[in-house]
Amino acid sequence: MTGCVHSKTIRTVTPKTLGCEECLETGQTWVHLRLCRECGHVGCCDQSIGKHSTKHFHSTGHPIIEGYDPPEGWGWCFIDETFIDLPDQTPQRGPIPRYVEFDDDDD
């Protein structure tokens, strides 16, 4: 994990929801999901309207997320702003609905 000293915060977690926790509560849509590897919060990525994964980091200080729809096998440290190797990959608890298709050509 070159460039990141926060690996001690990585936990084996159970995802709390089958989609972005806040988007499910408010009826918003998301593009991609991110899983907090400290507490299991599922939030949406910064391409989503809510940006709930980043908001979760700012409110809790939990630095490490995992790409989670489907599990993508990569980690990101918000503090060091770098991709990291995760010690394991979190399995999905069930089918994850996908609400928004993101097309890179739409930028």
N, C-alpha and C. Protein backbone atom coordinates (compact mmCIF):
# COMPACT_ATOMS: atom_id res chain seq x y z
N MET A 1 0.83 -1.19 0.00
CA MET A 1 0.00 0.00 0.00
C MET A 1 0.87 1.25 0.00
N THR A 2 1.66 1.37 -0.99
CA THR A 2 2.54 2.49 -1.12
C THR A 2 1.76 3.80 -1.13
N GLY A 3 2.21 4.78 -0.37
CA GLY A 3 1.58 6.08 -0.38
C GLY A 3 0.39 6.22 0.56
N CYS A 4 0.01 5.16 1.29
CA CYS A 4 -1.13 5.24 2.20
C CYS A 4 -0.76 4.58 3.52
N VAL A 5 -1.00 5.30 4.61
CA VAL A 5 -0.68 4.78 5.93
C VAL A 5 -1.94 4.44 6.73
N HIS A 6 -3.08 4.34 6.05
CA HIS A 6 -4.36 4.15 6.76
C HIS A 6 -4.88 2.72 6.69
N SER A 7 -4.04 1.77 6.26
CA SER A 7 -4.49 0.39 6.11
C SER A 7 -4.97 -0.22 7.43
N LYS A 8 -4.52 0.32 8.55
CA LYS A 8 -4.96 -0.20 9.84
C LYS A 8 -6.44 0.04 10.09
N THR A 9 -7.06 0.93 9.32
CA THR A 9 -8.49 1.19 9.49
C THR A 9 -9.36 0.23 8.70
N ILE A 10 -8.76 -0.58 7.80
CA ILE A 10 -9.54 -1.50 6.97
C ILE A 10 -10.07 -2.64 7.83
N ARG A 11 -11.37 -2.87 7.73
CA ARG A 11 -12.04 -3.94 8.45
C ARG A 11 -12.76 -4.83 7.44
N THR A 12 -13.05 -6.04 7.86
CA THR A 12 -13.97 -6.88 7.12
C THR A 12 -15.35 -6.42 7.55
N VAL A 13 -16.15 -5.95 6.60
CA VAL A 13 -17.44 -5.35 6.94
C VAL A 13 -18.58 -6.06 6.21
N THR A 14 -19.77 -5.87 6.75
CA THR A 14 -21.00 -6.31 6.08
C THR A 14 -21.69 -5.06 5.57
N PRO A 15 -21.94 -4.97 4.27
CA PRO A 15 -22.62 -3.79 3.74
C PRO A 15 -23.98 -3.60 4.42
N LYS A 16 -24.26 -2.36 4.82
CA LYS A 16 -25.49 -2.07 5.56
C LYS A 16 -26.73 -2.08 4.68
N THR A 17 -26.58 -1.81 3.39
CA THR A 17 -27.73 -1.72 2.49
C THR A 17 -27.39 -2.32 1.13
N LEU A 18 -28.41 -2.53 0.30
CA LEU A 18 -28.22 -3.05 -1.06
C LEU A 18 -28.22 -1.92 -2.08
N GLY A 19 -27.72 -0.78 -1.70
CA GLY A 19 -27.64 0.39 -2.55
C GLY A 19 -27.17 1.54 -1.69
N CYS A 20 -27.06 2.73 -2.25
CA CYS A 20 -26.64 3.88 -1.48
C CYS A 20 -27.65 4.14 -0.36
N GLU A 21 -27.15 4.13 0.86
CA GLU A 21 -28.01 4.26 2.04
C GLU A 21 -28.88 5.52 1.98
N GLU A 22 -28.26 6.65 1.71
CA GLU A 22 -29.00 7.92 1.69
C GLU A 22 -29.91 8.03 0.47
N CYS A 23 -29.44 7.57 -0.70
CA CYS A 23 -30.28 7.64 -1.90
C CYS A 23 -31.53 6.78 -1.74
N LEU A 24 -31.39 5.62 -1.12
CA LEU A 24 -32.55 4.77 -0.89
C LEU A 24 -33.57 5.47 0.01
N GLU A 25 -33.06 6.22 1.00
CA GLU A 25 -33.96 6.94 1.92
C GLU A 25 -34.67 8.10 1.24
N THR A 26 -34.00 8.78 0.31
CA THR A 26 -34.56 10.00 -0.29
C THR A 26 -35.14 9.79 -1.69
N GLY A 27 -34.92 8.63 -2.26
CA GLY A 27 -35.43 8.36 -3.61
C GLY A 27 -34.53 8.87 -4.72
N GLN A 28 -33.30 9.26 -4.39
CA GLN A 28 -32.35 9.70 -5.42
C GLN A 28 -31.80 8.49 -6.16
N THR A 29 -31.15 8.75 -7.28
CA THR A 29 -30.48 7.70 -8.04
C THR A 29 -28.97 7.83 -7.86
N TRP A 30 -28.27 6.78 -8.22
CA TRP A 30 -26.80 6.81 -8.14
C TRP A 30 -26.21 6.23 -9.41
N VAL A 31 -24.90 6.47 -9.57
CA VAL A 31 -24.17 5.93 -10.72
C VAL A 31 -23.39 4.69 -10.29
N HIS A 32 -22.50 4.84 -9.30
CA HIS A 32 -21.70 3.74 -8.78
C HIS A 32 -21.74 3.77 -7.27
N LEU A 33 -21.47 2.62 -6.65
CA LEU A 33 -21.49 2.52 -5.19
C LEU A 33 -20.08 2.35 -4.63
N ARG A 34 -19.89 2.86 -3.44
CA ARG A 34 -18.64 2.74 -2.70
C ARG A 34 -18.96 2.23 -1.31
N LEU A 35 -18.13 1.32 -0.81
CA LEU A 35 -18.33 0.69 0.49
C LEU A 35 -17.26 1.16 1.47
N CYS A 36 -17.67 1.70 2.59
CA CYS A 36 -16.73 2.10 3.64
C CYS A 36 -16.15 0.84 4.27
N ARG A 37 -14.84 0.72 4.23
CA ARG A 37 -14.20 -0.48 4.77
C ARG A 37 -13.91 -0.37 6.26
N GLU A 38 -14.47 0.64 6.90
CA GLU A 38 -14.37 0.73 8.36
C GLU A 38 -15.69 0.36 9.02
N CYS A 39 -16.84 0.76 8.41
CA CYS A 39 -18.13 0.55 9.08
C CYS A 39 -19.19 -0.14 8.23
N GLY A 40 -18.98 -0.30 6.91
CA GLY A 40 -19.96 -0.96 6.07
C GLY A 40 -20.99 -0.04 5.44
N HIS A 41 -20.84 1.27 5.61
CA HIS A 41 -21.75 2.22 4.96
C HIS A 41 -21.62 2.09 3.45
N VAL A 42 -22.76 2.06 2.74
CA VAL A 42 -22.76 2.03 1.29
C VAL A 42 -23.20 3.41 0.81
N GLY A 43 -22.35 4.07 0.05
CA GLY A 43 -22.66 5.40 -0.47
C GLY A 43 -22.40 5.47 -1.96
N CYS A 44 -22.93 6.51 -2.57
CA CYS A 44 -22.75 6.68 -4.01
C CYS A 44 -21.48 7.47 -4.31
N CYS A 45 -20.99 7.30 -5.54
CA CYS A 45 -19.75 7.94 -5.98
C CYS A 45 -19.95 9.42 -6.28
N ASP A 46 -18.87 10.10 -6.58
CA ASP A 46 -18.93 11.54 -6.87
C ASP A 46 -19.53 11.87 -8.23
N GLN A 47 -19.76 10.88 -9.08
CA GLN A 47 -20.47 11.11 -10.34
C GLN A 47 -21.98 11.13 -10.09
N SER A 48 -22.40 10.71 -8.90
CA SER A 48 -23.80 10.68 -8.52
C SER A 48 -24.20 12.03 -7.93
N ILE A 49 -25.48 12.33 -7.98
CA ILE A 49 -25.98 13.61 -7.47
C ILE A 49 -25.63 13.80 -5.99
N GLY A 50 -25.83 12.74 -5.19
CA GLY A 50 -25.66 12.87 -3.75
C GLY A 50 -24.23 12.88 -3.25
N LYS A 51 -23.31 12.24 -3.97
CA LYS A 51 -21.91 12.13 -3.54
C LYS A 51 -21.81 11.66 -2.09
N HIS A 52 -22.64 10.66 -1.73
CA HIS A 52 -22.78 10.26 -0.34
C HIS A 52 -21.57 9.54 0.25
N SER A 53 -20.77 8.89 -0.59
CA SER A 53 -19.56 8.25 -0.06
C SER A 53 -18.58 9.31 0.44
N THR A 54 -18.37 10.35 -0.34
CA THR A 54 -17.48 11.44 0.08
C THR A 54 -18.05 12.16 1.30
N LYS A 55 -19.35 12.38 1.32
CA LYS A 55 -19.98 13.02 2.49
C LYS A 55 -19.80 12.16 3.74
N HIS A 56 -19.90 10.84 3.58
CA HIS A 56 -19.68 9.93 4.71
C HIS A 56 -18.24 10.09 5.23
N PHE A 57 -17.29 10.14 4.32
CA PHE A 57 -15.89 10.35 4.75
C PHE A 57 -15.75 11.65 5.53
N HIS A 58 -16.32 12.74 5.02
CA HIS A 58 -16.18 14.03 5.70
C HIS A 58 -16.86 14.04 7.07
N SER A 59 -17.95 13.30 7.22
CA SER A 59 -18.65 13.31 8.51
C SER A 59 -18.06 12.33 9.52
N THR A 60 -17.38 11.27 9.04
CA THR A 60 -16.87 10.25 9.96
C THR A 60 -15.35 10.19 10.05
N GLY A 61 -14.67 10.62 8.97
CA GLY A 61 -13.22 10.47 8.92
C GLY A 61 -12.77 9.08 8.51
N HIS A 62 -13.70 8.19 8.13
CA HIS A 62 -13.32 6.85 7.69
C HIS A 62 -12.66 6.97 6.31
N PRO A 63 -11.37 6.65 6.20
CA PRO A 63 -10.62 7.00 4.99
C PRO A 63 -10.71 6.05 3.80
N ILE A 64 -11.01 4.75 4.01
CA ILE A 64 -10.86 3.77 2.95
C ILE A 64 -12.22 3.30 2.43
N ILE A 65 -12.38 3.34 1.10
CA ILE A 65 -13.58 2.80 0.46
C ILE A 65 -13.18 1.72 -0.53
N GLU A 66 -14.16 0.90 -0.87
CA GLU A 66 -13.99 -0.15 -1.87
C GLU A 66 -15.01 0.08 -2.98
N GLY A 67 -14.58 -0.08 -4.23
CA GLY A 67 -15.53 -0.04 -5.34
C GLY A 67 -16.48 -1.21 -5.19
N TYR A 68 -17.81 -0.95 -5.24
CA TYR A 68 -18.74 -1.98 -4.78
C TYR A 68 -19.97 -2.22 -5.66
N ASP A 69 -19.90 -2.14 -6.96
CA ASP A 69 -21.11 -2.48 -7.74
C ASP A 69 -20.81 -2.90 -9.17
N PRO A 70 -20.50 -4.12 -9.42
CA PRO A 70 -20.29 -5.20 -8.46
C PRO A 70 -18.95 -4.99 -7.75
N PRO A 71 -18.65 -5.80 -6.74
CA PRO A 71 -17.33 -5.62 -6.10
C PRO A 71 -16.25 -5.55 -7.16
N GLU A 72 -15.48 -4.49 -7.10
CA GLU A 72 -14.51 -4.21 -8.15
C GLU A 72 -13.07 -4.52 -7.75
N GLY A 73 -12.84 -4.78 -6.46
CA GLY A 73 -11.52 -5.21 -6.03
C GLY A 73 -10.50 -4.12 -5.79
N TRP A 74 -10.90 -2.85 -5.92
CA TRP A 74 -9.94 -1.78 -5.67
C TRP A 74 -10.37 -0.98 -4.44
N GLY A 75 -9.39 -0.34 -3.84
CA GLY A 75 -9.66 0.54 -2.70
C GLY A 75 -9.15 1.93 -2.99
N TRP A 76 -9.66 2.90 -2.24
CA TRP A 76 -9.26 4.30 -2.38
C TRP A 76 -9.14 4.90 -1.00
N CYS A 77 -8.07 5.65 -0.78
CA CYS A 77 -7.89 6.38 0.47
C CYS A 77 -8.21 7.84 0.21
N PHE A 78 -9.26 8.35 0.87
CA PHE A 78 -9.63 9.75 0.71
C PHE A 78 -8.55 10.70 1.22
N ILE A 79 -7.87 10.32 2.29
CA ILE A 79 -6.88 11.21 2.90
C ILE A 79 -5.65 11.35 2.00
N ASP A 80 -5.12 10.22 1.56
CA ASP A 80 -3.90 10.23 0.74
C ASP A 80 -4.20 10.37 -0.75
N GLU A 81 -5.49 10.34 -1.11
CA GLU A 81 -5.92 10.47 -2.50
C GLU A 81 -5.15 9.52 -3.41
N THR A 82 -5.22 8.22 -3.06
CA THR A 82 -4.53 7.21 -3.84
C THR A 82 -5.29 5.89 -3.81
N PHE A 83 -5.16 5.14 -4.90
CA PHE A 83 -5.70 3.79 -4.93
C PHE A 83 -4.83 2.91 -4.06
N ILE A 84 -5.44 1.93 -3.41
CA ILE A 84 -4.70 1.01 -2.54
C ILE A 84 -5.12 -0.42 -2.82
N ASP A 85 -4.25 -1.35 -2.46
CA ASP A 85 -4.58 -2.77 -2.52
C ASP A 85 -5.33 -3.14 -1.25
N LEU A 86 -6.45 -3.83 -1.42
CA LEU A 86 -7.23 -4.29 -0.27
C LEU A 86 -6.82 -5.72 0.08
N PRO A 87 -6.89 -6.09 1.36
CA PRO A 87 -6.51 -7.46 1.74
C PRO A 87 -7.53 -8.50 1.30
N ASP A 88 -8.75 -8.06 0.96
CA ASP A 88 -9.81 -8.96 0.53
C ASP A 88 -10.86 -8.15 -0.21
N GLN A 89 -11.83 -8.84 -0.77
CA GLN A 89 -12.91 -8.19 -1.49
C GLN A 89 -14.21 -8.52 -0.77
N THR A 90 -15.07 -7.53 -0.59
CA THR A 90 -16.32 -7.72 0.12
C THR A 90 -17.37 -8.31 -0.82
N PRO A 91 -17.94 -9.46 -0.45
CA PRO A 91 -18.99 -10.03 -1.31
C PRO A 91 -20.29 -9.24 -1.19
N GLN A 92 -21.08 -9.26 -2.25
CA GLN A 92 -22.39 -8.62 -2.21
C GLN A 92 -23.32 -9.44 -1.34
N ARG A 93 -24.23 -8.76 -0.63
CA ARG A 93 -25.23 -9.44 0.19
C ARG A 93 -26.42 -9.91 -0.64
N GLY A 94 -26.56 -9.41 -1.80
CA GLY A 94 -27.69 -9.74 -2.66
C GLY A 94 -27.62 -8.88 -3.90
N PRO A 95 -28.61 -8.98 -4.78
CA PRO A 95 -28.56 -8.17 -6.00
C PRO A 95 -28.65 -6.68 -5.70
N ILE A 96 -27.77 -5.92 -6.31
CA ILE A 96 -27.74 -4.48 -6.10
C ILE A 96 -28.41 -3.81 -7.29
N PRO A 97 -29.47 -3.04 -7.04
CA PRO A 97 -30.11 -2.34 -8.15
C PRO A 97 -29.18 -1.28 -8.73
N ARG A 98 -29.24 -1.08 -10.01
CA ARG A 98 -28.44 -0.03 -10.64
C ARG A 98 -29.43 0.97 -11.23
N TYR A 99 -29.37 2.19 -10.77
CA TYR A 99 -30.37 3.17 -11.11
C TYR A 99 -30.02 4.07 -12.28
N VAL A 100 -28.75 4.36 -12.48
CA VAL A 100 -28.36 5.31 -13.52
C VAL A 100 -27.22 4.70 -14.32
N GLU A 101 -27.35 4.71 -15.60
CA GLU A 101 -26.24 4.30 -16.46
C GLU A 101 -25.40 5.52 -16.74
N PHE A 102 -24.11 5.45 -16.51
CA PHE A 102 -23.22 6.57 -16.75
C PHE A 102 -22.51 6.34 -18.07
N ASP A 103 -22.57 7.31 -18.93
CA ASP A 103 -21.92 7.22 -20.23
C ASP A 103 -20.84 8.28 -20.29
N ASP A 104 -19.58 7.86 -20.43
CA ASP A 104 -18.46 8.79 -20.46
C ASP A 104 -18.60 9.81 -21.59
N ASP A 105 -19.37 9.48 -22.64
CA ASP A 105 -19.55 10.41 -23.76
C ASP A 105 -20.49 11.57 -23.41
N ASP A 106 -21.19 11.47 -22.26
CA ASP A 106 -22.14 12.52 -21.87
C ASP A 106 -21.46 13.73 -21.25
N ASP A 107 -20.16 13.65 -21.00
CA ASP A 107 -19.45 14.77 -20.35
C ASP A 107 -19.35 15.98 -21.23
